[in-house]
Amino acid sequence: MQEKMKSIYFVSALIGGLIFAMSASANHPGNNLDEVMSEKETYFQAIDEPVAPPFELVNASGELIKLSGYDEKIVILNFIFANCAGVCPLHSERIADLQDKINATPMRDLVQFVSITTDPANDAGRALEEYGKTHGLDPINWTFLTKKPDDPEDFTRKLAAEYGVKFQPEEAGQQMHSVVTFIIDRGGRFAAKFHGLKFKPNNLVLYVNGLSHRETQPEKNILTQWWDTVLHFFFNQ
């Protein structure tokens, strides 16, 4: 009888713990983050696709960099080219400002900034190295990437198109394009876009902060772990 009561109390405690865990997960700020940000920020667009378009590119040193290599980080991604006479410099300054704000917090080690050139013929080696210095970008968690040597010249423009941004070549080495800042969540989930340059930087920082606190463990895994605990108690005494 005592053992039976012990089992009842144990199961009751497990159920109570499960209800608490599920309730905490459901009420976590990260779970309605897209809805909150849509109300706060006019230029925010929630994407919430399981996987962002992958890439394998190289940095100024020729080192191969894969999007999957940042699975443990939140990636803030943009497409630019160094000789841009239009909005690219402004976009880079916005990214530098965001980096300053984020790096002043504990989020610094969780966030990676990635800029990808759409002009690989000119943006290589030293040009990639100097761009960050010119625009105040900190290499501690920012990198400027270009295509691999064997990739076609339009490789990164096609990659940008996969993300929904077209870079159309024009005269004098310029490209017509729009401005978008992409947010890729941990695990490669395509989280959101911030369009243009009129969005409020603090809103993007708040969004990234929300992602950094998002519960990454799916609810079904919580249920699975709970059930495994029950089975272990009753059958592995």
Protein backbone atom coordinates (compact mmCIF):
# COMPACT_ATOMS: atom_id res chain seq x y z
CA MET A 1 0.00 0.00 0.00
CA GLN A 2 2.84 2.35 0.88
CA GLU A 3 4.55 1.65 -2.42
CA LYS A 4 1.29 2.26 -4.29
CA MET A 5 0.80 5.62 -2.58
CA LYS A 6 4.40 6.51 -3.35
CA SER A 7 3.80 5.78 -7.01
CA ILE A 8 0.63 7.89 -7.04
CA TYR A 9 2.42 10.82 -5.44
CA PHE A 10 5.31 10.47 -7.87
CA VAL A 11 3.06 10.43 -10.94
CA SER A 12 1.08 13.40 -9.58
CA ALA A 13 4.29 15.34 -9.17
CA LEU A 14 5.36 14.46 -12.69
CA ILE A 15 2.04 15.59 -14.13
CA GLY A 16 2.24 18.82 -12.18
CA GLY A 17 5.76 19.38 -13.44
CA LEU A 18 4.69 18.69 -17.01
CA ILE A 19 1.79 21.16 -16.78
CA PHE A 20 4.13 23.78 -15.35
CA ALA A 21 6.74 23.20 -18.07
CA MET A 22 4.18 23.39 -20.87
CA SER A 23 2.61 26.50 -19.35
CA ALA A 24 5.97 28.19 -18.99
CA SER A 25 6.81 27.36 -22.59
CA ALA A 26 3.47 28.63 -23.86
CA ASN A 27 3.83 31.93 -22.01
CA HIS A 28 7.46 32.51 -22.91
CA PRO A 29 7.93 35.89 -24.62
CA GLY A 30 9.68 34.23 -27.53
CA ASN A 31 6.59 32.30 -28.55
CA ASN A 32 4.63 35.39 -29.65
CA LEU A 33 7.69 37.36 -30.65
CA ASP A 34 6.71 37.72 -34.32
CA GLU A 35 3.27 39.00 -33.39
CA VAL A 36 4.67 41.54 -30.95
CA MET A 37 7.29 42.77 -33.40
CA SER A 38 4.75 43.04 -36.22
CA GLU A 39 2.78 45.44 -34.04
CA LYS A 40 5.84 47.46 -33.02
CA GLU A 41 7.78 47.65 -36.28
CA THR A 42 6.29 48.68 -39.65
CA TYR A 43 9.24 47.34 -41.64
CA PHE A 44 9.34 43.90 -39.98
CA GLN A 45 8.29 40.77 -41.86
CA ALA A 46 8.04 37.42 -40.11
CA ILE A 47 9.23 34.50 -42.25
CA ASP A 48 9.43 31.52 -39.88
CA GLU A 49 10.64 28.98 -42.43
CA PRO A 50 12.45 25.90 -41.12
CA VAL A 51 15.60 26.49 -43.16
CA ALA A 52 17.19 29.59 -44.67
CA PRO A 53 18.84 29.25 -48.09
CA PRO A 54 22.21 27.61 -47.32
CA PHE A 55 25.54 28.87 -48.58
CA GLU A 56 29.21 27.90 -48.80
CA LEU A 57 31.36 30.96 -49.44
CA VAL A 58 34.85 32.21 -48.58
CA ASN A 59 36.16 35.08 -46.47
CA ALA A 60 39.06 37.43 -47.17
CA SER A 61 41.55 34.69 -46.25
CA GLY A 62 39.94 32.15 -48.56
CA GLU A 63 38.57 30.19 -45.63
CA LEU A 64 35.39 28.25 -46.43
CA ILE A 65 32.41 29.53 -44.44
CA LYS A 66 29.10 27.69 -44.34
CA LEU A 67 25.80 28.95 -42.97
CA SER A 68 25.51 25.62 -41.15
CA GLY A 69 28.71 26.51 -39.30
CA TYR A 70 26.69 29.15 -37.43
CA ASP A 71 23.93 26.79 -36.27
CA GLU A 72 24.57 27.73 -32.65
CA LYS A 73 24.27 31.45 -33.38
CA ILE A 74 21.69 33.97 -34.54
CA VAL A 75 22.87 35.31 -37.89
CA ILE A 76 22.21 38.88 -39.05
CA LEU A 77 22.77 38.78 -42.81
CA ASN A 78 22.86 41.39 -45.58
CA PHE A 79 23.95 41.64 -49.22
CA ILE A 80 26.09 44.57 -50.39
CA PHE A 81 29.01 45.39 -52.68
CA ALA A 82 31.97 47.59 -51.89
CA ASN A 83 31.76 49.95 -54.88
CA CYS A 84 28.07 50.69 -54.37
CA ALA A 85 27.33 54.37 -54.91
CA GLY A 86 23.83 54.04 -53.50
CA VAL A 87 22.48 52.64 -50.24
CA CYS A 88 25.09 49.96 -49.47
CA PRO A 89 27.28 52.29 -47.36
CA LEU A 90 24.20 53.37 -45.40
CA HIS A 91 23.20 49.75 -44.93
CA SER A 92 26.68 48.90 -43.67
CA GLU A 93 26.56 51.80 -41.22
CA ARG A 94 23.22 50.52 -39.96
CA ILE A 95 24.73 47.05 -39.49
CA ALA A 96 27.69 48.59 -37.62
CA ASP A 97 25.26 50.43 -35.34
CA LEU A 98 23.34 47.22 -34.66
CA GLN A 99 26.60 45.44 -33.96
CA ASP A 100 27.64 48.11 -31.45
CA LYS A 101 24.31 47.79 -29.64
CA ILE A 102 24.33 43.99 -29.56
CA ASN A 103 28.01 43.67 -28.67
CA ALA A 104 27.48 45.89 -25.66
CA THR A 105 25.29 43.11 -24.21
CA PRO A 106 25.79 39.42 -23.36
CA MET A 107 24.30 38.64 -26.79
CA ARG A 108 27.66 39.34 -28.43
CA ASP A 109 28.80 35.72 -28.29
CA LEU A 110 25.46 34.48 -29.61
CA VAL A 111 25.19 36.68 -32.71
CA GLN A 112 27.16 36.52 -35.97
CA PHE A 113 26.98 39.31 -38.57
CA VAL A 114 27.48 38.24 -42.18
CA SER A 115 27.73 40.50 -45.23
CA ILE A 116 27.85 38.89 -48.69
CA THR A 117 29.15 40.73 -51.72
CA THR A 118 27.22 40.63 -54.98
CA ASP A 119 30.30 41.89 -56.86
CA PRO A 120 32.82 39.08 -56.38
CA ALA A 121 34.92 40.19 -59.36
CA ASN A 122 36.00 43.28 -57.41
CA ASP A 123 35.36 42.34 -53.79
CA ALA A 124 38.09 39.89 -52.91
CA GLY A 125 41.13 39.69 -50.67
CA ARG A 126 42.18 43.13 -49.45
CA ALA A 127 38.90 44.74 -50.56
CA LEU A 128 37.05 42.39 -48.22
CA GLU A 129 39.48 43.11 -45.39
CA GLU A 130 39.32 46.88 -45.73
CA TYR A 131 35.55 47.18 -46.06
CA GLY A 132 34.86 46.45 -42.41
CA LYS A 133 37.48 48.92 -41.21
CA THR A 134 36.03 51.62 -43.44
CA HIS A 135 32.51 51.18 -42.12
CA GLY A 136 33.24 50.46 -38.47
CA LEU A 137 32.41 46.75 -38.46
CA ASP A 138 34.11 44.63 -35.80
CA PRO A 139 35.62 41.36 -37.12
CA ILE A 140 35.07 39.76 -33.73
CA ASN A 141 31.61 38.69 -34.94
CA TRP A 142 31.33 40.12 -38.46
CA THR A 143 32.60 38.68 -41.74
CA PHE A 144 32.43 39.72 -45.39
CA LEU A 145 32.02 36.77 -47.76
CA THR A 146 32.38 36.20 -51.48
CA LYS A 147 32.01 33.30 -53.88
CA LYS A 148 34.42 30.37 -54.08
CA PRO A 149 36.97 30.54 -56.94
CA ASP A 150 35.15 27.91 -59.02
CA ASP A 151 31.69 29.47 -58.63
CA PRO A 152 30.22 31.49 -61.52
CA GLU A 153 30.43 35.28 -61.32
CA ASP A 154 26.71 35.67 -60.64
CA PHE A 155 26.73 33.09 -57.85
CA THR A 156 26.12 35.48 -54.96
CA ARG A 157 23.55 37.49 -56.93
CA LYS A 158 21.61 34.26 -57.40
CA LEU A 159 21.99 33.55 -53.69
CA ALA A 160 20.60 37.00 -52.91
CA ALA A 161 17.63 36.21 -55.17
CA GLU A 162 16.99 33.05 -53.14
CA TYR A 163 16.66 35.34 -50.13
CA GLY A 164 14.27 37.55 -52.08
CA VAL A 165 16.59 40.43 -53.03
CA LYS A 166 17.53 41.08 -56.66
CA PHE A 167 20.79 42.81 -57.60
CA GLN A 168 20.48 43.92 -61.22
CA PRO A 169 23.79 44.90 -62.91
CA GLU A 170 23.84 48.35 -64.48
CA GLU A 171 26.45 50.62 -66.06
CA ALA A 172 29.68 51.66 -64.35
CA GLY A 173 29.72 48.57 -62.13
CA GLN A 174 26.61 49.55 -60.22
CA GLN A 175 23.68 47.29 -59.35
CA MET A 176 20.08 48.21 -58.77
CA HIS A 177 18.74 46.56 -55.62
CA SER A 178 16.59 46.90 -52.55
CA VAL A 179 17.77 46.81 -48.92
CA VAL A 180 16.87 43.97 -46.56
CA THR A 181 18.39 42.77 -43.29
CA PHE A 182 17.80 39.07 -42.71
CA ILE A 183 17.57 37.31 -39.34
CA ILE A 184 18.44 33.61 -39.22
CA ASP A 185 17.69 31.89 -35.95
CA ARG A 186 19.75 29.17 -34.29
CA GLY A 187 19.57 25.89 -36.16
CA GLY A 188 19.31 27.72 -39.50
CA ARG A 189 15.64 28.71 -39.17
CA PHE A 190 14.79 31.63 -41.45
CA ALA A 191 13.19 33.89 -38.85
CA ALA A 192 12.48 37.31 -40.34
CA LYS A 193 13.34 40.28 -42.55
CA PHE A 194 13.70 43.95 -41.71
CA HIS A 195 13.08 45.97 -44.87
CA GLY A 196 14.86 49.16 -45.88
CA LEU A 197 16.69 51.50 -43.53
CA LYS A 198 13.77 53.13 -41.74
CA PHE A 199 13.22 50.38 -39.19
CA LYS A 200 14.11 51.25 -35.61
CA PRO A 201 17.45 49.64 -34.71
CA ASN A 202 16.31 49.01 -31.14
CA ASN A 203 13.42 46.93 -32.46
CA LEU A 204 15.80 44.64 -34.31
CA VAL A 205 17.97 44.36 -31.20
CA LEU A 206 14.88 43.53 -29.13
CA TYR A 207 13.86 40.92 -31.70
CA VAL A 208 17.27 39.26 -31.57
CA ASN A 209 17.14 39.37 -27.78
CA GLY A 210 13.76 37.65 -27.93
CA LEU A 211 15.19 34.94 -30.17
CA SER A 212 18.10 34.47 -27.79
CA HIS A 213 15.60 33.66 -25.02
CA ARG A 214 13.30 31.54 -27.17
CA GLU A 215 12.71 28.01 -25.93
CA THR A 216 14.59 25.90 -28.47
CA GLN A 217 13.32 22.54 -27.20
CA PRO A 218 10.11 21.50 -29.03
CA GLU A 219 7.10 20.77 -26.86
CA LYS A 220 6.97 17.18 -28.13
CA ASN A 221 10.47 16.64 -26.71
CA ILE A 222 9.22 17.78 -23.30
CA LEU A 223 6.42 15.20 -23.54
CA THR A 224 8.85 12.51 -24.65
CA GLN A 225 11.21 13.18 -21.76
CA TRP A 226 8.30 13.17 -19.29
CA TRP A 227 7.04 9.81 -20.58
CA ASP A 228 10.53 8.31 -20.52
CA THR A 229 10.81 9.37 -16.86
CA VAL A 230 7.53 7.63 -16.03
CA LEU A 231 8.61 4.43 -17.80
CA HIS A 232 11.95 4.49 -16.03
CA PHE A 233 10.30 4.85 -12.62
CA PHE A 234 7.91 1.92 -13.08
CA PHE A 235 10.09 -0.50 -14.99
CA ASN A 236 13.62 0.20 -13.78
CA GLN A 237 13.17 0.07 -10.03
